[in-house]
Protein backbone atom coordinates (compact mmCIF):
# COMPACT_ATOMS: atom_id res chain seq x y z
CA MET A 1 -16.28 -33.51 0.49
CA SER A 2 -14.08 -31.72 3.19
CA ASP A 3 -14.28 -31.83 6.72
CA GLU A 4 -16.09 -28.54 6.88
CA LEU A 5 -19.08 -29.89 4.73
CA LEU A 6 -20.41 -33.28 5.79
CA VAL A 7 -22.59 -35.12 3.24
CA THR A 8 -24.31 -38.24 4.55
CA ARG A 9 -27.18 -40.47 3.32
CA ASP A 10 -29.78 -41.31 5.60
CA GLY A 11 -32.38 -43.66 3.63
CA ALA A 12 -34.12 -41.54 1.42
CA VAL A 13 -32.63 -38.43 2.83
CA LEU A 14 -29.52 -36.63 2.01
CA GLN A 15 -28.08 -34.83 5.03
CA VAL A 16 -25.75 -31.82 4.30
CA THR A 17 -24.17 -30.27 7.51
CA PHE A 18 -22.26 -27.10 7.54
CA ASN A 19 -19.25 -28.14 10.01
CA ARG A 20 -17.35 -25.11 11.00
CA PRO A 21 -19.10 -24.58 14.59
CA ARG A 22 -16.20 -22.55 16.04
CA GLN A 23 -16.62 -20.02 13.32
CA ARG A 24 -20.30 -20.29 13.60
CA ASN A 25 -20.33 -22.36 10.13
CA ALA A 26 -18.93 -19.34 8.19
CA MET A 27 -18.70 -20.44 4.52
CA SER A 28 -15.36 -21.05 2.87
CA TRP A 29 -15.02 -21.25 -0.84
CA GLN A 30 -14.45 -24.94 -0.52
CA MET A 31 -17.88 -25.25 1.27
CA TYR A 32 -19.88 -23.59 -1.52
CA ASP A 33 -18.31 -26.01 -3.97
CA GLY A 34 -19.02 -28.83 -1.96
CA LEU A 35 -22.58 -27.81 -1.49
CA VAL A 36 -23.00 -27.54 -5.49
CA ALA A 37 -21.37 -31.17 -5.59
CA ALA A 38 -24.16 -32.32 -2.76
CA CYS A 39 -26.93 -30.97 -5.02
CA GLU A 40 -25.60 -32.72 -8.01
CA ALA A 41 -25.40 -36.05 -5.70
CA ALA A 42 -29.15 -35.65 -4.71
CA GLU A 43 -29.92 -35.47 -8.41
CA ALA A 44 -27.91 -38.34 -9.57
CA ASP A 45 -29.46 -40.86 -7.11
CA ASP A 46 -33.34 -41.58 -7.85
CA ASP A 47 -33.72 -42.91 -4.32
CA ILE A 48 -32.84 -39.45 -2.80
CA ARG A 49 -36.11 -37.95 -2.06
CA VAL A 50 -35.32 -34.85 0.09
CA MET A 51 -32.10 -32.79 0.99
CA VAL A 52 -31.74 -31.29 4.72
CA LEU A 53 -29.13 -28.60 5.22
CA ARG A 54 -28.15 -27.69 8.79
CA GLY A 55 -25.22 -26.20 10.81
CA ALA A 56 -23.14 -28.15 13.22
CA GLY A 57 -24.04 -27.34 16.77
CA ASP A 58 -26.67 -25.21 18.17
CA GLU A 59 -25.29 -21.78 17.76
CA ALA A 60 -25.62 -21.20 14.16
CA PHE A 61 -27.08 -22.45 10.69
CA VAL A 62 -24.59 -20.48 8.84
CA ALA A 63 -23.30 -16.89 9.81
CA GLY A 64 -22.35 -15.70 6.51
CA THR A 65 -19.22 -16.16 4.22
CA ASP A 66 -15.92 -16.21 6.01
CA ILE A 67 -14.99 -12.64 6.18
CA ALA A 68 -11.13 -13.34 6.13
CA GLN A 69 -11.70 -14.22 2.44
CA PHE A 70 -12.87 -10.64 1.84
CA ALA A 71 -9.27 -9.23 2.72
CA GLU A 72 -8.16 -10.51 -0.81
CA PHE A 73 -10.59 -8.22 -2.46
CA THR A 74 -8.70 -5.13 -4.17
CA SER A 75 -11.68 -3.85 -6.46
CA GLY A 76 -15.37 -3.67 -6.92
CA ASP A 77 -14.88 -6.25 -9.71
CA ASP A 78 -13.76 -8.63 -6.95
CA GLY A 79 -17.09 -8.13 -5.59
CA VAL A 80 -19.00 -8.54 -8.71
CA ALA A 81 -17.18 -11.81 -9.16
CA TYR A 82 -18.00 -12.99 -5.55
CA GLU A 83 -21.70 -12.23 -5.92
CA ASN A 84 -21.92 -14.07 -9.16
CA LYS A 85 -20.34 -17.14 -7.49
CA MET A 86 -22.93 -16.52 -4.83
CA GLU A 87 -25.71 -16.43 -7.29
CA ALA A 88 -24.58 -19.66 -9.23
CA VAL A 89 -24.45 -21.66 -5.78
CA LEU A 90 -27.94 -20.22 -4.77
CA GLU A 91 -29.37 -21.05 -8.28
CA ARG A 92 -28.09 -24.65 -7.98
CA LEU A 93 -29.55 -25.19 -4.58
CA GLU A 94 -32.75 -23.19 -5.53
CA SER A 95 -33.12 -25.42 -8.65
CA THR A 96 -32.43 -28.83 -7.15
CA THR A 97 -35.14 -31.12 -8.26
CA VAL A 98 -35.81 -32.89 -4.79
CA PRO A 99 -37.46 -30.62 -2.05
CA THR A 100 -34.81 -28.91 0.21
CA VAL A 101 -35.19 -28.31 4.03
CA ALA A 102 -33.32 -25.91 6.33
CA ALA A 103 -33.05 -27.04 9.62
CA ILE A 104 -32.12 -23.83 11.68
CA SER A 105 -30.77 -23.17 15.28
CA GLY A 106 -28.95 -19.82 16.21
CA PHE A 107 -27.63 -17.48 13.64
CA CYS A 108 -28.79 -17.47 10.09
CA VAL A 109 -27.40 -14.60 8.74
CA GLY A 110 -25.94 -13.12 5.64
CA ALA A 111 -25.04 -15.91 3.22
CA GLY A 112 -26.78 -18.09 5.75
CA ILE A 113 -30.18 -16.29 5.35
CA ALA A 114 -29.47 -16.65 1.38
CA LEU A 115 -29.03 -20.13 1.63
CA ALA A 116 -32.18 -20.59 3.91
CA ALA A 117 -34.18 -18.58 1.86
CA VAL A 118 -33.56 -20.83 -1.55
CA CYS A 119 -34.52 -23.87 0.48
CA ASP A 120 -38.16 -24.93 0.13
CA ILE A 121 -39.07 -25.11 3.71
CA ARG A 122 -37.51 -23.70 6.76
CA VAL A 123 -37.84 -25.10 10.21
CA SER A 124 -36.30 -23.11 13.07
CA THR A 125 -35.58 -23.42 16.81
CA VAL A 126 -36.90 -20.60 19.00
CA THR A 127 -33.15 -19.54 19.14
CA GLY A 128 -33.17 -18.64 15.40
CA ARG A 129 -31.93 -15.16 14.24
CA PHE A 130 -32.17 -13.94 10.54
CA GLY A 131 -30.78 -11.13 9.00
CA VAL A 132 -28.32 -9.30 6.95
CA PRO A 133 -26.49 -6.90 9.41
CA VAL A 134 -23.66 -5.48 6.57
CA ALA A 135 -24.96 -2.04 7.27
CA ARG A 136 -23.19 -2.11 10.63
CA THR A 137 -20.46 -4.68 10.12
CA LEU A 138 -18.97 -4.65 6.77
CA GLY A 139 -20.32 -1.96 4.58
CA ASN A 140 -20.76 -4.28 1.66
CA CYS A 141 -23.98 -5.04 -0.25
CA LEU A 142 -25.99 -7.98 -1.69
CA ALA A 143 -26.39 -9.11 -5.19
CA MET A 144 -29.64 -8.22 -6.77
CA ASN A 145 -30.74 -11.98 -6.74
CA THR A 146 -30.36 -12.12 -2.70
CA TYR A 147 -32.44 -8.68 -2.48
CA SER A 148 -35.14 -10.30 -4.41
CA LEU A 149 -34.92 -13.45 -2.21
CA LEU A 150 -35.75 -11.04 0.68
CA VAL A 151 -38.49 -9.02 -0.95
CA PHE A 152 -40.14 -12.22 -2.20
CA HIS A 153 -40.20 -13.79 1.21
CA LEU A 154 -40.60 -11.02 3.79
CA GLY A 155 -42.10 -8.07 1.49
CA PRO A 156 -40.43 -4.85 0.82
CA ALA A 157 -41.17 -3.23 4.00
CA ARG A 158 -39.81 -6.05 6.29
CA ALA A 159 -36.85 -6.51 3.98
CA LYS A 160 -35.88 -2.88 4.02
CA ASP A 161 -36.22 -2.71 7.89
CA MET A 162 -33.92 -5.94 8.30
CA LEU A 163 -31.24 -4.27 5.86
CA LEU A 164 -31.43 -0.71 6.92
CA ARG A 165 -31.52 -0.98 10.70
CA ALA A 166 -29.28 -4.22 10.39
CA ARG A 167 -31.44 -5.94 12.84
CA LEU A 168 -31.84 -9.73 13.30
CA PHE A 169 -35.43 -10.97 13.15
CA SER A 170 -36.21 -13.65 15.95
CA ALA A 171 -37.78 -17.33 14.96
CA GLN A 172 -41.08 -15.89 15.97
CA GLU A 173 -40.90 -12.81 13.68
CA ALA A 174 -39.54 -14.87 10.81
CA HIS A 175 -42.50 -17.24 11.37
CA ALA A 176 -45.36 -14.63 11.45
CA ALA A 177 -43.81 -13.26 8.25
CA GLY A 178 -44.27 -16.63 6.59
CA PHE A 179 -40.38 -17.32 6.02
CA VAL A 180 -40.16 -20.12 8.77
CA ALA A 181 -42.71 -22.76 8.58
CA GLU A 182 -42.19 -24.23 11.98
CA VAL A 183 -40.61 -23.09 15.05
CA CYS A 184 -39.69 -25.59 18.02
CA GLU A 185 -37.60 -26.00 20.83
CA VAL A 186 -33.84 -26.88 20.47
CA ASP A 187 -34.31 -30.30 21.63
CA GLU A 188 -37.16 -30.91 19.14
CA LEU A 189 -35.53 -29.65 15.91
CA ASP A 190 -34.46 -33.29 14.93
CA ALA A 191 -38.04 -34.64 15.40
CA THR A 192 -39.80 -31.59 13.78
CA VAL A 193 -37.53 -31.86 10.65
CA ALA A 194 -38.10 -35.74 10.47
CA GLY A 195 -41.82 -35.05 10.44
CA VAL A 196 -41.57 -32.41 7.66
CA VAL A 197 -39.28 -34.89 5.77
CA ASP A 198 -41.64 -38.05 6.36
CA ARG A 199 -44.31 -36.42 4.79
CA LEU A 200 -42.53 -35.05 2.00
CA VAL A 201 -41.03 -38.53 0.86
CA GLN A 202 -44.55 -39.88 0.79
CA HIS A 203 -45.53 -37.22 -2.17
CA ALA A 204 -45.18 -37.34 -5.83
CA PRO A 205 -41.63 -36.36 -6.89
CA LEU A 206 -42.64 -34.68 -10.21
CA THR A 207 -45.67 -32.70 -8.71
CA MET A 208 -43.25 -31.26 -6.01
CA TRP A 209 -40.70 -30.54 -8.41
CA ALA A 210 -43.10 -28.74 -10.83
CA SER A 211 -44.43 -26.63 -7.94
CA LYS A 212 -40.82 -25.37 -6.38
CA GLU A 213 -39.71 -24.86 -10.15
CA ALA A 214 -42.92 -22.72 -10.74
CA VAL A 215 -42.00 -20.49 -7.78
CA ARG A 216 -38.55 -20.23 -8.86
CA ARG A 217 -39.56 -19.10 -12.38
CA LEU A 218 -42.02 -16.50 -10.95
CA ARG A 219 -39.57 -14.90 -8.59
CA LYS A 220 -36.70 -14.52 -11.23
CA ALA A 221 -38.89 -13.44 -14.28
CA ASN A 222 -38.18 -9.85 -14.01
CA LEU A 223 -34.94 -9.98 -12.06
CA PRO A 224 -33.02 -6.73 -13.15
CA ASP A 225 -29.27 -6.33 -13.20
CA GLY A 226 -27.33 -5.19 -10.09
CA ASP A 227 -23.69 -5.36 -10.96
CA ASP A 228 -23.38 -1.54 -10.71
CA LEU A 229 -24.58 -1.64 -7.19
CA VAL A 230 -22.04 -4.31 -6.06
CA ARG A 231 -19.17 -2.79 -8.05
CA THR A 232 -19.59 0.45 -6.30
CA VAL A 233 -19.93 -0.66 -2.72
CA PHE A 234 -17.40 -3.41 -2.87
CA GLY A 235 -14.97 -0.99 -4.52
CA SER A 236 -15.35 1.45 -1.78
CA ASP A 237 -13.09 2.64 0.88
CA ASP A 238 -15.95 1.90 3.47
CA PHE A 239 -15.90 -1.65 2.35
CA ARG A 240 -12.13 -2.00 2.77
CA HIS A 241 -12.34 -0.39 6.24
CA GLY A 242 -15.30 -2.42 7.16
CA VAL A 243 -13.49 -5.62 6.55
CA ARG A 244 -10.28 -4.70 8.47
CA ALA A 245 -12.29 -3.41 11.01
CA PHE A 246 -14.31 -6.63 11.46
CA LEU A 247 -11.23 -8.76 11.49
CA ASP A 248 -9.25 -6.36 14.06
CA LYS A 249 -12.43 -6.01 16.03
CA THR A 250 -12.10 -2.26 15.92
CA PRO A 251 -14.79 0.51 15.68
CA ARG A 252 -16.29 1.55 12.31
CA ASN A 253 -16.08 5.16 10.69
CA TRP A 254 -18.01 5.19 7.86
CA THR A 255 -17.64 8.02 5.36
CA GLY A 256 -19.76 7.14 2.58
CA HIS A 257 -16.70 6.85 0.09
């Protein structure tokens, strides 16, 4: 693993830390690959009973994918390839046989909320902020699988409110929606997560696996294709403009083309 993704073992728990605090733990391609490897490591060791994901520092869990990487995109097909990679990472995390817990403090946005959504249980500090504000930042869109996650967890009305108004839900709003299981103070996060983990390690592994796998299959049973949406939006002038404006910190001027 690279220094950007720290994987350590703590008894029966595999701890995964997104370690780019200066970038609000924005994900690089290498970090995504490391996360997949961590899932495989958790399954390869029968003594690992739970995997915990967290961001370094208190400012963010994960604040999306590193936007600088999008500057390399030249067509809508690049967007499809990116979203296919994202779906593979999310599928690997969601299908991991051991229970997964997201320990969240601060921003959990973009790819961050997708990673948290495929975890089995989410615990957040009162500073948690959840959303996908791309309608005002980059002008891109999500893969159908990620839209499915938001609708599955939040319902269509809340999901559209989050996406269309590009607003961030507070930890309390996410808890009220059922997305977050527990909310705590910042200095209580470790103890709250430890309480969740302590209960999980006492439970029957195969029973928990069957429960989480059944929920995963139900969510994905009728998932439609959405490559046409991704290809159109990632191939647009608005997306290229949005990426450049984000990196240059200049105003956006959306045209719908």
